[in-house]
Amino acid sequence: MPRSAWKGPFFVSFPGLKQAVQNGTPIATQARSCTILPSFVGLKFLVHNGKEYIPVHVTEEMIGHKLGEFSFTRKRFTYRFTKNK
């Protein structure tokens, strides 16, 4: 269920945002529930997935989504074939 329109988007203020725009350095964050705003386009984030930080480069198609949608928390299952069978 989407968030109510009158509440507005949920976002976290990032203290190093101004410096990251100038230097191009990624912003490390654990705020997976932060909504991607239009001012974040072109920035690089390091989003924590519970174990490590996953690099996420924000594009225009990501606006309105959450940062956590782009850093997966589970590993993809791969079936291993055995030589003995």
C-alpha atoms as a PDB file:
ATOM      1  CA  MET A   1       0.000   0.000   0.000  1.00  0.00           C
ATOM      2  CA  PRO A   2       1.509   3.384  -0.980  1.00  0.00           C
ATOM      3  CA  ARG A   3       2.133   6.191   1.446  1.00  0.00           C
ATOM      4  CA  SER A   4      -0.561   8.882   1.809  1.00  0.00           C
ATOM      5  CA  ALA A   5      -0.045  11.871  -0.460  1.00  0.00           C
ATOM      6  CA  TRP A   6      -0.570  14.394   2.330  1.00  0.00           C
ATOM      7  CA  LYS A   7       2.332  12.945   4.336  1.00  0.00           C
ATOM      8  CA  GLY A   8       4.891  13.471   1.579  1.00  0.00           C
ATOM      9  CA  PRO A   9       7.908  11.275   0.806  1.00  0.00           C
ATOM     10  CA  PHE A  10      10.066   9.854   3.585  1.00  0.00           C
ATOM     11  CA  PHE A  11      13.692  10.874   3.277  1.00  0.00           C
ATOM     12  CA  VAL A  12      16.725  11.163   5.508  1.00  0.00           C
ATOM     13  CA  SER A  13      18.961  14.206   5.513  1.00  0.00           C
ATOM     14  CA  PHE A  14      22.474  13.163   4.536  1.00  0.00           C
ATOM     15  CA  PRO A  15      25.155  15.291   6.227  1.00  0.00           C
ATOM     16  CA  GLY A  16      27.762  14.865   3.467  1.00  0.00           C
ATOM     17  CA  LEU A  17      25.400  15.419   0.536  1.00  0.00           C
ATOM     18  CA  LYS A  18      26.852  18.777  -0.518  1.00  0.00           C
ATOM     19  CA  GLN A  19      30.432  17.475  -0.490  1.00  0.00           C
ATOM     20  CA  ALA A  20      29.440  14.301  -2.340  1.00  0.00           C
ATOM     21  CA  VAL A  21      27.912  16.342  -5.160  1.00  0.00           C
ATOM     22  CA  GLN A  22      31.116  18.353  -5.554  1.00  0.00           C
ATOM     23  CA  ASN A  23      33.621  15.496  -5.182  1.00  0.00           C
ATOM     24  CA  GLY A  24      31.633  12.626  -6.681  1.00  0.00           C
ATOM     25  CA  THR A  25      32.271  10.444  -3.630  1.00  0.00           C
ATOM     26  CA  PRO A  26      29.607   7.878  -2.700  1.00  0.00           C
ATOM     27  CA  ILE A  27      27.420   8.403   0.371  1.00  0.00           C
ATOM     28  CA  ALA A  28      27.337   5.411   2.746  1.00  0.00           C
ATOM     29  CA  THR A  29      23.915   4.907   4.322  1.00  0.00           C
ATOM     30  CA  GLN A  30      21.884   2.343   6.207  1.00  0.00           C
ATOM     31  CA  ALA A  31      18.604   4.165   5.492  1.00  0.00           C
ATOM     32  CA  ARG A  32      17.116   1.668   3.043  1.00  0.00           C
ATOM     33  CA  SER A  33      13.640   3.175   3.491  1.00  0.00           C
ATOM     34  CA  CYS A  34      14.688   6.616   2.240  1.00  0.00           C
ATOM     35  CA  THR A  35      12.736   7.731  -0.852  1.00  0.00           C
ATOM     36  CA  ILE A  36      14.871   8.762  -3.831  1.00  0.00           C
ATOM     37  CA  LEU A  37      14.295  12.438  -4.598  1.00  0.00           C
ATOM     38  CA  PRO A  38      14.964  14.254  -7.904  1.00  0.00           C
ATOM     39  CA  SER A  39      17.943  16.005  -6.290  1.00  0.00           C
ATOM     40  CA  PHE A  40      19.640  12.595  -5.834  1.00  0.00           C
ATOM     41  CA  VAL A  41      19.893  11.920  -9.605  1.00  0.00           C
ATOM     42  CA  GLY A  42      23.498  11.309 -10.629  1.00  0.00           C
ATOM     43  CA  LEU A  43      24.704  10.630  -7.079  1.00  0.00           C
ATOM     44  CA  LYS A  44      26.308   7.426  -5.872  1.00  0.00           C
ATOM     45  CA  PHE A  45      25.135   5.749  -2.671  1.00  0.00           C
ATOM     46  CA  LEU A  46      26.561   2.828  -0.725  1.00  0.00           C
ATOM     47  CA  VAL A  47      23.439   1.111   0.636  1.00  0.00           C
ATOM     48  CA  HIS A  48      23.826  -1.391   3.469  1.00  0.00           C
ATOM     49  CA  ASN A  49      22.196  -4.767   2.853  1.00  0.00           C
ATOM     50  CA  GLY A  50      22.784  -6.161   6.350  1.00  0.00           C
ATOM     51  CA  LYS A  51      26.267  -7.481   5.646  1.00  0.00           C
ATOM     52  CA  GLU A  52      28.052  -5.068   3.319  1.00  0.00           C
ATOM     53  CA  TYR A  53      27.552  -1.841   1.403  1.00  0.00           C
ATOM     54  CA  ILE A  54      26.270  -2.212  -2.173  1.00  0.00           C
ATOM     55  CA  PRO A  55      27.016   0.618  -4.661  1.00  0.00           C
ATOM     56  CA  VAL A  56      23.897   2.208  -6.191  1.00  0.00           C
ATOM     57  CA  HIS A  57      24.057   4.879  -8.922  1.00  0.00           C
ATOM     58  CA  VAL A  58      20.808   6.887  -8.985  1.00  0.00           C
ATOM     59  CA  THR A  59      19.128   7.492 -12.363  1.00  0.00           C
ATOM     60  CA  GLU A  60      15.898   9.292 -13.321  1.00  0.00           C
ATOM     61  CA  GLU A  61      13.905   6.043 -13.452  1.00  0.00           C
ATOM     62  CA  MET A  62      14.582   5.455  -9.732  1.00  0.00           C
ATOM     63  CA  ILE A  63      12.814   8.632  -8.519  1.00  0.00           C
ATOM     64  CA  GLY A  64      10.022   7.774  -6.068  1.00  0.00           C
ATOM     65  CA  HIS A  65      11.431   4.348  -5.215  1.00  0.00           C
ATOM     66  CA  LYS A  66      13.309   3.419  -2.037  1.00  0.00           C
ATOM     67  CA  LEU A  67      17.088   3.018  -1.784  1.00  0.00           C
ATOM     68  CA  GLY A  68      16.669  -0.502  -0.396  1.00  0.00           C
ATOM     69  CA  GLU A  69      14.956  -1.717  -3.573  1.00  0.00           C
ATOM     70  CA  PHE A  70      18.273  -1.600  -5.410  1.00  0.00           C
ATOM     71  CA  SER A  71      20.491  -3.443  -2.920  1.00  0.00           C
ATOM     72  CA  PHE A  72      19.356  -7.017  -2.465  1.00  0.00           C
ATOM     73  CA  THR A  73      19.577  -8.639   0.972  1.00  0.00           C
ATOM     74  CA  ARG A  74      19.481 -12.249  -0.194  1.00  0.00           C
ATOM     75  CA  LYS A  75      21.816 -14.151  -2.455  1.00  0.00           C
ATOM     76  CA  ARG A  76      20.434 -15.648  -5.656  1.00  0.00           C
ATOM     77  CA  PHE A  77      20.141 -19.442  -5.566  1.00  0.00           C
ATOM     78  CA  THR A  78      22.301 -21.321  -8.054  1.00  0.00           C
ATOM     79  CA  TYR A  79      22.043 -25.066  -8.481  1.00  0.00           C
ATOM     80  CA  ARG A  80      25.411 -26.804  -8.519  1.00  0.00           C
ATOM     81  CA  PHE A  81      25.942 -29.787 -10.754  1.00  0.00           C
ATOM     82  CA  THR A  82      28.049 -32.612  -9.323  1.00  0.00           C
ATOM     83  CA  LYS A  83      30.497 -34.670 -11.343  1.00  0.00           C
ATOM     84  CA  ASN A  84      29.790 -37.928  -9.483  1.00  0.00           C
ATOM     85  CA  LYS A  85      26.269 -38.545 -10.790  1.00  0.00           C
END
